[in-house]
Amino acid sequence: MPNIKSAKKRVKVTAVKTLRNKMFKSQMKTTIKKFYAAVESGDKSAASAAYTPAVVIVDKAVKRNIMHKNAAAHKKSQFTLALNKMA
């Protein structure tokens, strides 16, 4: 445990940010799973409706430094390919 006041504050702030990042990652994974579930069901309209939130949440992850921009680009490309293969 830190003894210095500023170090104690950093521990608290880091704990809050870690929790916020975990919550966001969980939400992101759920959104992605919903998209892939819609693709697996074969319903084109449901998949295209789930595509937009999946792309948006991946972009937000990049903005929040939770995901690397190249990893996000790869993920969005996978989404697009999966959606286009349904046709």
N, C-alpha and C. Protein backbone atom coordinates (compact mmCIF):
# COMPACT_ATOMS: atom_id res chain seq x y z
N MET A 1 0.83 -1.19 0.00
CA MET A 1 0.00 0.00 0.00
C MET A 1 0.87 1.25 0.00
N PRO A 2 0.45 2.23 -0.77
CA PRO A 2 1.23 3.47 -0.81
C PRO A 2 1.06 4.29 0.46
N ASN A 3 2.09 5.06 0.77
CA ASN A 3 2.05 5.92 1.94
C ASN A 3 1.78 7.38 1.58
N ILE A 4 2.17 7.75 0.37
CA ILE A 4 2.04 9.13 -0.08
C ILE A 4 0.60 9.37 -0.54
N LYS A 5 0.10 10.57 -0.23
CA LYS A 5 -1.29 10.91 -0.50
C LYS A 5 -1.62 10.81 -2.00
N SER A 6 -0.76 11.33 -2.85
CA SER A 6 -1.04 11.30 -4.29
C SER A 6 -1.03 9.86 -4.82
N ALA A 7 -0.16 9.02 -4.27
CA ALA A 7 -0.12 7.62 -4.68
C ALA A 7 -1.39 6.89 -4.25
N LYS A 8 -1.91 7.23 -3.08
CA LYS A 8 -3.17 6.64 -2.62
C LYS A 8 -4.31 7.02 -3.57
N LYS A 9 -4.30 8.28 -3.99
CA LYS A 9 -5.33 8.74 -4.93
C LYS A 9 -5.21 8.00 -6.26
N ARG A 10 -3.99 7.79 -6.72
CA ARG A 10 -3.80 7.09 -8.00
C ARG A 10 -4.34 5.67 -7.92
N VAL A 11 -4.18 5.02 -6.76
CA VAL A 11 -4.71 3.67 -6.59
C VAL A 11 -6.23 3.68 -6.72
N LYS A 12 -6.87 4.66 -6.10
CA LYS A 12 -8.34 4.77 -6.18
C LYS A 12 -8.78 5.04 -7.61
N VAL A 13 -8.11 5.98 -8.26
CA VAL A 13 -8.49 6.36 -9.63
C VAL A 13 -8.29 5.18 -10.58
N THR A 14 -7.20 4.46 -10.41
CA THR A 14 -6.93 3.30 -11.27
C THR A 14 -8.00 2.24 -11.07
N ALA A 15 -8.42 2.03 -9.85
CA ALA A 15 -9.47 1.04 -9.58
C ALA A 15 -10.77 1.42 -10.27
N VAL A 16 -11.12 2.69 -10.24
CA VAL A 16 -12.35 3.15 -10.89
C VAL A 16 -12.24 2.98 -12.40
N LYS A 17 -11.10 3.38 -12.96
CA LYS A 17 -10.93 3.26 -14.42
C LYS A 17 -10.91 1.81 -14.87
N THR A 18 -10.29 0.94 -14.07
CA THR A 18 -10.26 -0.49 -14.41
C THR A 18 -11.67 -1.06 -14.44
N LEU A 19 -12.48 -0.70 -13.46
CA LEU A 19 -13.86 -1.17 -13.42
C LEU A 19 -14.64 -0.67 -14.62
N ARG A 20 -14.45 0.60 -14.97
CA ARG A 20 -15.14 1.18 -16.13
C ARG A 20 -14.73 0.46 -17.42
N ASN A 21 -13.43 0.17 -17.56
CA ASN A 21 -12.96 -0.54 -18.75
C ASN A 21 -13.52 -1.95 -18.81
N LYS A 22 -13.60 -2.63 -17.66
CA LYS A 22 -14.16 -3.98 -17.63
C LYS A 22 -15.63 -3.97 -18.05
N MET A 23 -16.37 -2.98 -17.55
CA MET A 23 -17.77 -2.87 -17.92
C MET A 23 -17.92 -2.64 -19.42
N PHE A 24 -17.08 -1.78 -19.98
CA PHE A 24 -17.17 -1.48 -21.40
C PHE A 24 -16.79 -2.71 -22.22
N LYS A 25 -15.73 -3.42 -21.82
CA LYS A 25 -15.31 -4.62 -22.55
C LYS A 25 -16.41 -5.67 -22.54
N SER A 26 -17.07 -5.82 -21.41
CA SER A 26 -18.15 -6.78 -21.31
C SER A 26 -19.30 -6.41 -22.26
N GLN A 27 -19.63 -5.13 -22.29
CA GLN A 27 -20.68 -4.65 -23.18
C GLN A 27 -20.28 -4.88 -24.65
N MET A 28 -19.00 -4.63 -24.96
CA MET A 28 -18.51 -4.81 -26.32
C MET A 28 -18.61 -6.28 -26.73
N LYS A 29 -18.19 -7.18 -25.85
CA LYS A 29 -18.23 -8.61 -26.17
C LYS A 29 -19.67 -9.08 -26.37
N THR A 30 -20.59 -8.57 -25.56
CA THR A 30 -22.00 -8.93 -25.69
C THR A 30 -22.56 -8.47 -27.02
N THR A 31 -22.23 -7.25 -27.42
CA THR A 31 -22.71 -6.72 -28.69
C THR A 31 -22.18 -7.53 -29.86
N ILE A 32 -20.90 -7.91 -29.78
CA ILE A 32 -20.29 -8.70 -30.85
C ILE A 32 -20.94 -10.09 -30.92
N LYS A 33 -21.20 -10.68 -29.76
CA LYS A 33 -21.85 -11.99 -29.73
C LYS A 33 -23.25 -11.92 -30.32
N LYS A 34 -23.97 -10.83 -30.06
CA LYS A 34 -25.30 -10.67 -30.63
C LYS A 34 -25.23 -10.60 -32.15
N PHE A 35 -24.21 -9.91 -32.67
CA PHE A 35 -24.05 -9.82 -34.13
C PHE A 35 -23.80 -11.21 -34.71
N TYR A 36 -22.85 -11.95 -34.12
CA TYR A 36 -22.53 -13.27 -34.65
C TYR A 36 -23.70 -14.24 -34.49
N ALA A 37 -24.50 -14.08 -33.45
CA ALA A 37 -25.69 -14.91 -33.28
C ALA A 37 -26.70 -14.62 -34.38
N ALA A 38 -26.83 -13.35 -34.74
CA ALA A 38 -27.75 -12.98 -35.83
C ALA A 38 -27.25 -13.53 -37.16
N VAL A 39 -25.93 -13.52 -37.35
CA VAL A 39 -25.37 -14.08 -38.59
C VAL A 39 -25.61 -15.58 -38.64
N GLU A 40 -25.39 -16.26 -37.52
CA GLU A 40 -25.58 -17.71 -37.47
C GLU A 40 -27.03 -18.12 -37.69
N SER A 41 -27.96 -17.27 -37.26
CA SER A 41 -29.38 -17.60 -37.44
C SER A 41 -29.80 -17.51 -38.90
N GLY A 42 -29.04 -16.76 -39.69
CA GLY A 42 -29.33 -16.66 -41.11
C GLY A 42 -30.30 -15.54 -41.45
N ASP A 43 -30.69 -14.76 -40.48
CA ASP A 43 -31.62 -13.65 -40.71
C ASP A 43 -30.83 -12.41 -41.13
N LYS A 44 -30.94 -12.08 -42.41
CA LYS A 44 -30.16 -10.96 -42.96
C LYS A 44 -30.53 -9.62 -42.33
N SER A 45 -31.83 -9.40 -42.11
CA SER A 45 -32.26 -8.12 -41.55
C SER A 45 -31.79 -7.96 -40.10
N ALA A 46 -31.84 -9.04 -39.33
CA ALA A 46 -31.38 -8.98 -37.94
C ALA A 46 -29.87 -8.78 -37.88
N ALA A 47 -29.17 -9.43 -38.80
CA ALA A 47 -27.71 -9.30 -38.83
C ALA A 47 -27.30 -7.88 -39.22
N SER A 48 -27.99 -7.29 -40.20
CA SER A 48 -27.64 -5.93 -40.60
C SER A 48 -28.03 -4.93 -39.51
N ALA A 49 -29.06 -5.25 -38.73
CA ALA A 49 -29.43 -4.38 -37.61
C ALA A 49 -28.41 -4.48 -36.48
N ALA A 50 -27.83 -5.66 -36.29
CA ALA A 50 -26.84 -5.86 -35.23
C ALA A 50 -25.44 -5.42 -35.68
N TYR A 51 -25.25 -5.25 -36.98
CA TYR A 51 -23.94 -4.86 -37.52
C TYR A 51 -23.54 -3.45 -37.08
N THR A 52 -24.45 -2.51 -37.18
CA THR A 52 -24.13 -1.11 -36.87
C THR A 52 -23.70 -0.92 -35.41
N PRO A 53 -24.43 -1.45 -34.42
CA PRO A 53 -23.97 -1.29 -33.04
C PRO A 53 -22.61 -1.96 -32.79
N ALA A 54 -22.36 -3.09 -33.46
CA ALA A 54 -21.09 -3.78 -33.27
C ALA A 54 -19.93 -2.91 -33.77
N VAL A 55 -20.11 -2.29 -34.93
CA VAL A 55 -19.06 -1.43 -35.49
C VAL A 55 -18.88 -0.19 -34.62
N VAL A 56 -19.96 0.38 -34.16
CA VAL A 56 -19.90 1.59 -33.34
C VAL A 56 -19.17 1.32 -32.03
N ILE A 57 -19.47 0.19 -31.39
CA ILE A 57 -18.84 -0.08 -30.10
C ILE A 57 -17.36 -0.40 -30.25
N VAL A 58 -16.97 -1.00 -31.38
CA VAL A 58 -15.55 -1.25 -31.63
C VAL A 58 -14.82 0.07 -31.85
N ASP A 59 -15.45 1.00 -32.55
CA ASP A 59 -14.85 2.32 -32.74
C ASP A 59 -14.71 3.06 -31.41
N LYS A 60 -15.69 2.92 -30.55
CA LYS A 60 -15.61 3.56 -29.23
C LYS A 60 -14.49 2.94 -28.40
N ALA A 61 -14.26 1.65 -28.57
CA ALA A 61 -13.18 0.99 -27.84
C ALA A 61 -11.83 1.55 -28.26
N VAL A 62 -11.69 1.87 -29.54
CA VAL A 62 -10.45 2.48 -30.03
C VAL A 62 -10.29 3.87 -29.43
N LYS A 63 -11.38 4.61 -29.40
CA LYS A 63 -11.34 5.97 -28.87
C LYS A 63 -10.96 5.98 -27.39
N ARG A 64 -11.36 4.97 -26.66
CA ARG A 64 -11.07 4.88 -25.23
C ARG A 64 -9.77 4.14 -24.94
N ASN A 65 -9.00 3.79 -25.96
CA ASN A 65 -7.74 3.06 -25.83
C ASN A 65 -7.92 1.69 -25.18
N ILE A 66 -9.05 1.07 -25.43
CA ILE A 66 -9.29 -0.28 -24.92
C ILE A 66 -8.87 -1.31 -25.98
N MET A 67 -8.93 -0.91 -27.23
CA MET A 67 -8.56 -1.79 -28.33
C MET A 67 -7.65 -1.03 -29.28
N HIS A 68 -6.67 -1.74 -29.85
CA HIS A 68 -5.77 -1.11 -30.81
C HIS A 68 -6.51 -0.84 -32.12
N LYS A 69 -6.14 0.22 -32.81
CA LYS A 69 -6.89 0.61 -34.02
C LYS A 69 -6.79 -0.44 -35.12
N ASN A 70 -5.66 -1.13 -35.22
CA ASN A 70 -5.53 -2.17 -36.25
C ASN A 70 -6.37 -3.40 -35.90
N ALA A 71 -6.44 -3.72 -34.63
CA ALA A 71 -7.28 -4.83 -34.19
C ALA A 71 -8.76 -4.51 -34.46
N ALA A 72 -9.12 -3.25 -34.25
CA ALA A 72 -10.50 -2.83 -34.51
C ALA A 72 -10.81 -2.90 -36.01
N ALA A 73 -9.86 -2.47 -36.82
CA ALA A 73 -10.06 -2.52 -38.27
C ALA A 73 -10.23 -3.97 -38.73
N HIS A 74 -9.43 -4.86 -38.16
CA HIS A 74 -9.53 -6.29 -38.48
C HIS A 74 -10.90 -6.84 -38.07
N LYS A 75 -11.35 -6.46 -36.88
CA LYS A 75 -12.62 -6.93 -36.36
C LYS A 75 -13.78 -6.43 -37.23
N LYS A 76 -13.73 -5.15 -37.61
CA LYS A 76 -14.80 -4.59 -38.44
C LYS A 76 -14.81 -5.24 -39.83
N SER A 77 -13.63 -5.57 -40.33
CA SER A 77 -13.54 -6.26 -41.61
C SER A 77 -14.18 -7.65 -41.51
N GLN A 78 -13.96 -8.33 -40.40
CA GLN A 78 -14.58 -9.64 -40.18
C GLN A 78 -16.10 -9.51 -40.14
N PHE A 79 -16.59 -8.47 -39.48
CA PHE A 79 -18.04 -8.24 -39.42
C PHE A 79 -18.61 -8.07 -40.83
N THR A 80 -17.94 -7.23 -41.62
CA THR A 80 -18.42 -6.94 -42.97
C THR A 80 -18.40 -8.19 -43.83
N LEU A 81 -17.33 -8.96 -43.74
CA LEU A 81 -17.25 -10.20 -44.52
C LEU A 81 -18.36 -11.17 -44.12
N ALA A 82 -18.59 -11.31 -42.83
CA ALA A 82 -19.64 -12.21 -42.34
C ALA A 82 -21.01 -11.77 -42.85
N LEU A 83 -21.24 -10.47 -42.84
CA LEU A 83 -22.53 -9.95 -43.30
C LEU A 83 -22.68 -10.13 -44.81
N ASN A 84 -21.62 -9.89 -45.56
CA ASN A 84 -21.70 -10.02 -47.02
C ASN A 84 -21.81 -11.47 -47.48
N LYS A 85 -21.28 -12.40 -46.70
CA LYS A 85 -21.37 -13.83 -47.07
C LYS A 85 -22.81 -14.35 -46.95
N MET A 86 -23.64 -13.63 -46.22
CA MET A 86 -25.02 -14.07 -46.02
C MET A 86 -25.85 -13.93 -47.30
N ALA A 87 -25.46 -13.07 -48.20
CA ALA A 87 -26.27 -12.79 -49.40
C ALA A 87 -26.34 -13.94 -50.35
